[in-house]
N, C-alpha and C. Protein backbone atom coordinates (compact mmCIF):
# COMPACT_ATOMS: atom_id res chain seq x y z
N MET A 1 29.44 130.10 66.61
CA MET A 1 30.15 131.05 65.79
C MET A 1 30.15 130.52 64.35
N ASP A 2 29.97 131.41 63.41
CA ASP A 2 29.98 130.99 62.01
C ASP A 2 31.09 131.72 61.25
N ALA A 3 31.17 131.48 59.95
CA ALA A 3 32.23 132.07 59.13
C ALA A 3 32.17 133.59 59.10
N ALA A 4 30.97 134.17 59.15
CA ALA A 4 30.85 135.63 59.12
C ALA A 4 31.41 136.26 60.41
N VAL A 5 31.15 135.62 61.56
CA VAL A 5 31.68 136.11 62.82
C VAL A 5 33.20 136.00 62.82
N ALA A 6 33.72 134.86 62.38
CA ALA A 6 35.17 134.67 62.32
C ALA A 6 35.82 135.69 61.39
N ALA A 7 35.21 135.95 60.25
CA ALA A 7 35.75 136.95 59.32
C ALA A 7 35.74 138.34 59.94
N GLY A 8 34.70 138.67 60.69
CA GLY A 8 34.63 139.96 61.36
C GLY A 8 35.73 140.12 62.41
N ILE A 9 36.01 139.04 63.15
CA ILE A 9 37.09 139.08 64.15
C ILE A 9 38.43 139.27 63.48
N VAL A 10 38.66 138.57 62.38
CA VAL A 10 39.93 138.70 61.65
C VAL A 10 40.10 140.12 61.11
N LEU A 11 39.05 140.69 60.55
CA LEU A 11 39.13 142.07 60.06
C LEU A 11 39.42 143.05 61.19
N GLN A 12 38.75 142.86 62.32
CA GLN A 12 38.96 143.78 63.44
C GLN A 12 40.37 143.64 63.99
N ARG A 13 40.89 142.42 64.05
CA ARG A 13 42.28 142.22 64.51
C ARG A 13 43.26 142.87 63.56
N ALA A 14 42.93 142.91 62.28
CA ALA A 14 43.80 143.54 61.30
C ALA A 14 43.69 145.06 61.34
N GLY A 15 42.79 145.56 62.18
CA GLY A 15 42.65 147.01 62.33
C GLY A 15 41.59 147.62 61.44
N GLN A 16 40.65 146.81 60.96
CA GLN A 16 39.59 147.32 60.10
C GLN A 16 38.25 146.87 60.63
N THR A 17 37.21 147.57 60.23
CA THR A 17 35.86 147.11 60.51
C THR A 17 35.25 146.64 59.20
N ALA A 18 34.36 145.68 59.29
CA ALA A 18 33.76 145.12 58.08
C ALA A 18 32.96 146.16 57.31
N ARG A 19 32.31 147.08 58.05
CA ARG A 19 31.44 148.06 57.39
C ARG A 19 32.22 149.17 56.70
N THR A 20 33.27 149.67 57.32
CA THR A 20 33.92 150.87 56.79
C THR A 20 35.29 150.61 56.19
N ALA A 21 35.91 149.48 56.51
CA ALA A 21 37.28 149.15 56.07
C ALA A 21 38.25 150.26 56.47
N ARG A 22 37.96 150.94 57.59
CA ARG A 22 38.89 151.96 58.09
C ARG A 22 39.62 151.43 59.31
N LYS A 23 40.75 152.03 59.60
CA LYS A 23 41.57 151.58 60.72
C LYS A 23 40.88 151.85 62.05
N THR A 24 41.00 150.91 62.99
CA THR A 24 40.53 151.11 64.35
C THR A 24 41.73 151.44 65.23
N THR A 25 41.51 151.58 66.51
CA THR A 25 42.54 152.10 67.40
C THR A 25 43.68 151.14 67.69
N ARG A 26 43.42 149.91 68.18
CA ARG A 26 44.50 149.02 68.57
C ARG A 26 44.01 147.58 68.67
N PRO A 27 44.94 146.62 68.91
CA PRO A 27 44.55 145.21 69.04
C PRO A 27 43.63 144.98 70.24
N PHE A 28 43.02 143.82 70.29
CA PHE A 28 42.12 143.47 71.38
C PHE A 28 42.84 143.53 72.72
N ARG A 29 42.17 144.11 73.70
CA ARG A 29 42.70 144.13 75.08
C ARG A 29 41.88 143.18 75.96
N GLY A 30 40.79 142.66 75.42
CA GLY A 30 39.95 141.73 76.16
C GLY A 30 38.84 141.20 75.29
N VAL A 31 38.23 140.11 75.72
CA VAL A 31 37.13 139.50 74.97
C VAL A 31 35.95 140.45 74.86
N SER A 32 35.81 141.36 75.82
CA SER A 32 34.69 142.31 75.79
C SER A 32 34.73 143.20 74.54
N GLN A 33 35.86 143.32 73.90
CA GLN A 33 35.95 144.13 72.69
C GLN A 33 35.32 143.45 71.47
N LEU A 34 34.81 142.27 71.67
CA LEU A 34 34.11 141.58 70.59
C LEU A 34 32.64 141.99 70.51
N ASN A 35 32.24 142.99 71.32
CA ASN A 35 30.86 143.49 71.27
C ASN A 35 30.49 143.83 69.83
N GLY A 36 29.34 143.40 69.43
CA GLY A 36 28.88 143.67 68.07
C GLY A 36 29.31 142.60 67.08
N LEU A 37 30.31 141.81 67.44
CA LEU A 37 30.75 140.72 66.57
C LEU A 37 30.27 139.37 67.07
N VAL A 38 30.28 139.20 68.38
CA VAL A 38 29.93 137.92 69.01
C VAL A 38 28.78 138.17 69.99
N PRO A 39 27.76 137.33 69.99
CA PRO A 39 26.65 137.50 70.94
C PRO A 39 27.16 137.48 72.39
N LEU A 40 26.49 138.20 73.28
CA LEU A 40 26.92 138.32 74.67
C LEU A 40 27.05 136.97 75.37
N GLN A 41 26.14 136.03 75.08
CA GLN A 41 26.23 134.70 75.70
C GLN A 41 27.52 134.00 75.27
N ALA A 42 27.90 134.14 74.01
CA ALA A 42 29.13 133.52 73.53
C ALA A 42 30.35 134.19 74.15
N GLN A 43 30.28 135.51 74.36
CA GLN A 43 31.39 136.22 75.00
C GLN A 43 31.65 135.68 76.40
N ALA A 44 30.59 135.40 77.15
CA ALA A 44 30.75 134.87 78.50
C ALA A 44 31.49 133.54 78.46
N ARG A 45 31.15 132.69 77.49
CA ARG A 45 31.85 131.40 77.37
C ARG A 45 33.29 131.59 76.91
N LEU A 46 33.51 132.54 76.00
CA LEU A 46 34.86 132.79 75.50
C LEU A 46 35.79 133.32 76.58
N ASN A 47 35.25 134.06 77.55
CA ASN A 47 36.07 134.57 78.64
C ASN A 47 36.79 133.45 79.39
N ASN A 48 36.16 132.27 79.46
CA ASN A 48 36.77 131.13 80.14
C ASN A 48 37.76 130.37 79.26
N LEU A 49 37.71 130.59 77.95
CA LEU A 49 38.53 129.81 77.02
C LEU A 49 39.62 130.61 76.31
N CYS A 50 39.46 131.92 76.24
CA CYS A 50 40.36 132.74 75.42
C CYS A 50 41.10 133.77 76.27
N ASP A 51 42.26 134.14 75.75
CA ASP A 51 43.05 135.19 76.37
C ASP A 51 43.65 136.01 75.24
N VAL A 52 43.77 137.30 75.45
CA VAL A 52 44.31 138.15 74.38
C VAL A 52 45.78 138.49 74.63
N ARG A 53 46.33 138.02 75.74
CA ARG A 53 47.74 138.28 76.04
C ARG A 53 48.55 137.01 75.84
N SER A 54 49.67 137.15 75.16
CA SER A 54 50.53 136.00 74.90
C SER A 54 51.31 135.65 76.15
N ARG A 55 51.47 134.37 76.38
CA ARG A 55 52.28 133.89 77.49
C ARG A 55 53.53 133.16 77.01
N THR A 56 53.62 132.94 75.69
CA THR A 56 54.76 132.23 75.13
C THR A 56 55.46 133.14 74.13
N PHE A 57 56.79 133.18 74.22
CA PHE A 57 57.59 134.06 73.37
C PHE A 57 58.79 133.32 72.82
N GLU A 58 59.20 133.70 71.62
CA GLU A 58 60.43 133.21 71.02
C GLU A 58 61.42 134.36 71.02
N VAL A 59 62.60 134.13 71.60
CA VAL A 59 63.62 135.17 71.72
C VAL A 59 64.85 134.73 70.94
N HIS A 60 65.40 135.65 70.13
CA HIS A 60 66.61 135.38 69.36
C HIS A 60 67.75 136.24 69.91
N ILE A 61 68.89 135.60 70.17
CA ILE A 61 70.04 136.29 70.73
C ILE A 61 71.25 136.02 69.84
N THR A 62 72.02 137.05 69.56
CA THR A 62 73.29 136.90 68.85
C THR A 62 74.39 137.29 69.81
N ALA A 63 75.30 136.35 70.09
CA ALA A 63 76.40 136.60 71.02
C ALA A 63 77.71 136.70 70.24
N HIS A 64 78.51 137.70 70.57
CA HIS A 64 79.82 137.91 69.94
C HIS A 64 80.89 137.83 71.02
N THR A 65 81.89 137.01 70.80
CA THR A 65 83.05 136.92 71.68
C THR A 65 84.28 136.81 70.81
N GLY A 66 85.12 137.83 70.86
CA GLY A 66 86.30 137.83 70.00
C GLY A 66 85.88 137.73 68.55
N ASP A 67 86.40 136.74 67.86
CA ASP A 67 86.06 136.52 66.44
C ASP A 67 84.88 135.56 66.26
N SER A 68 84.33 135.06 67.34
CA SER A 68 83.25 134.08 67.26
C SER A 68 81.88 134.75 67.42
N THR A 69 80.94 134.23 66.67
CA THR A 69 79.55 134.67 66.78
C THR A 69 78.66 133.43 66.80
N ARG A 70 77.69 133.43 67.68
CA ARG A 70 76.76 132.32 67.73
C ARG A 70 75.36 132.87 67.94
N GLU A 71 74.38 132.26 67.28
CA GLU A 71 72.99 132.66 67.42
C GLU A 71 72.25 131.64 68.28
N PHE A 72 71.53 132.16 69.27
CA PHE A 72 70.76 131.33 70.19
C PHE A 72 69.28 131.66 70.05
N THR A 73 68.44 130.66 70.32
CA THR A 73 67.00 130.86 70.33
C THR A 73 66.46 130.26 71.62
N ALA A 74 65.55 130.98 72.26
CA ALA A 74 64.91 130.49 73.48
C ALA A 74 63.40 130.61 73.31
N ILE A 75 62.69 129.61 73.77
CA ILE A 75 61.23 129.65 73.85
C ILE A 75 60.91 129.82 75.34
N LEU A 76 60.25 130.94 75.66
CA LEU A 76 59.98 131.28 77.05
C LEU A 76 58.47 131.25 77.33
N TYR A 77 58.14 130.89 78.56
CA TYR A 77 56.76 130.90 79.02
C TYR A 77 56.66 131.85 80.21
N ARG A 78 55.75 132.81 80.15
CA ARG A 78 55.56 133.76 81.25
C ARG A 78 54.32 133.35 82.05
N ALA A 79 54.55 132.75 83.21
CA ALA A 79 53.44 132.33 84.08
C ALA A 79 52.85 133.56 84.78
N THR A 80 53.73 134.44 85.27
CA THR A 80 53.32 135.72 85.87
C THR A 80 54.33 136.76 85.39
N GLY A 81 54.19 137.98 85.85
CA GLY A 81 55.10 139.04 85.43
C GLY A 81 56.55 138.77 85.77
N THR A 82 56.79 138.03 86.84
CA THR A 82 58.17 137.76 87.25
C THR A 82 58.55 136.28 87.16
N ASP A 83 57.60 135.40 86.92
CA ASP A 83 57.87 133.96 86.79
C ASP A 83 57.95 133.60 85.31
N ILE A 84 59.18 133.58 84.79
CA ILE A 84 59.41 133.27 83.38
C ILE A 84 60.23 132.00 83.30
N GLN A 85 59.73 131.03 82.56
CA GLN A 85 60.38 129.73 82.46
C GLN A 85 60.91 129.51 81.05
N VAL A 86 62.07 128.88 80.94
CA VAL A 86 62.64 128.54 79.65
C VAL A 86 62.09 127.18 79.24
N LEU A 87 61.34 127.13 78.15
CA LEU A 87 60.79 125.87 77.67
C LEU A 87 61.77 125.13 76.77
N LYS A 88 62.53 125.91 75.99
CA LYS A 88 63.49 125.32 75.06
C LYS A 88 64.59 126.33 74.80
N PHE A 89 65.82 125.85 74.65
CA PHE A 89 66.95 126.72 74.37
C PHE A 89 67.87 125.96 73.42
N TYR A 90 68.24 126.59 72.31
CA TYR A 90 69.12 125.93 71.35
C TYR A 90 69.91 126.97 70.58
N TRP A 91 70.97 126.51 69.90
CA TRP A 91 71.78 127.40 69.07
C TRP A 91 71.86 126.85 67.67
N LYS A 92 72.18 127.74 66.76
CA LYS A 92 72.27 127.35 65.35
C LYS A 92 73.69 127.04 64.98
């Protein structure tokens, strides 16, 4: 992969194509959407290394009890749709 390929991926992720600078439909749903940007052989290798779905999330919670307010932050990891693990939890 070279700088031109990387620039094309960044433009497409931003919702534009390099040729027309017009908006495309939506974010990547899979590595196969790199057709035309990345050679097919590279796509096959990227399928083993890349994922377009996030598995880590930062969640901010504000809790109110009586006159007290506290802000909490949690870093969560989603292993599967129902297996969600708390990696870190702290308050400000």
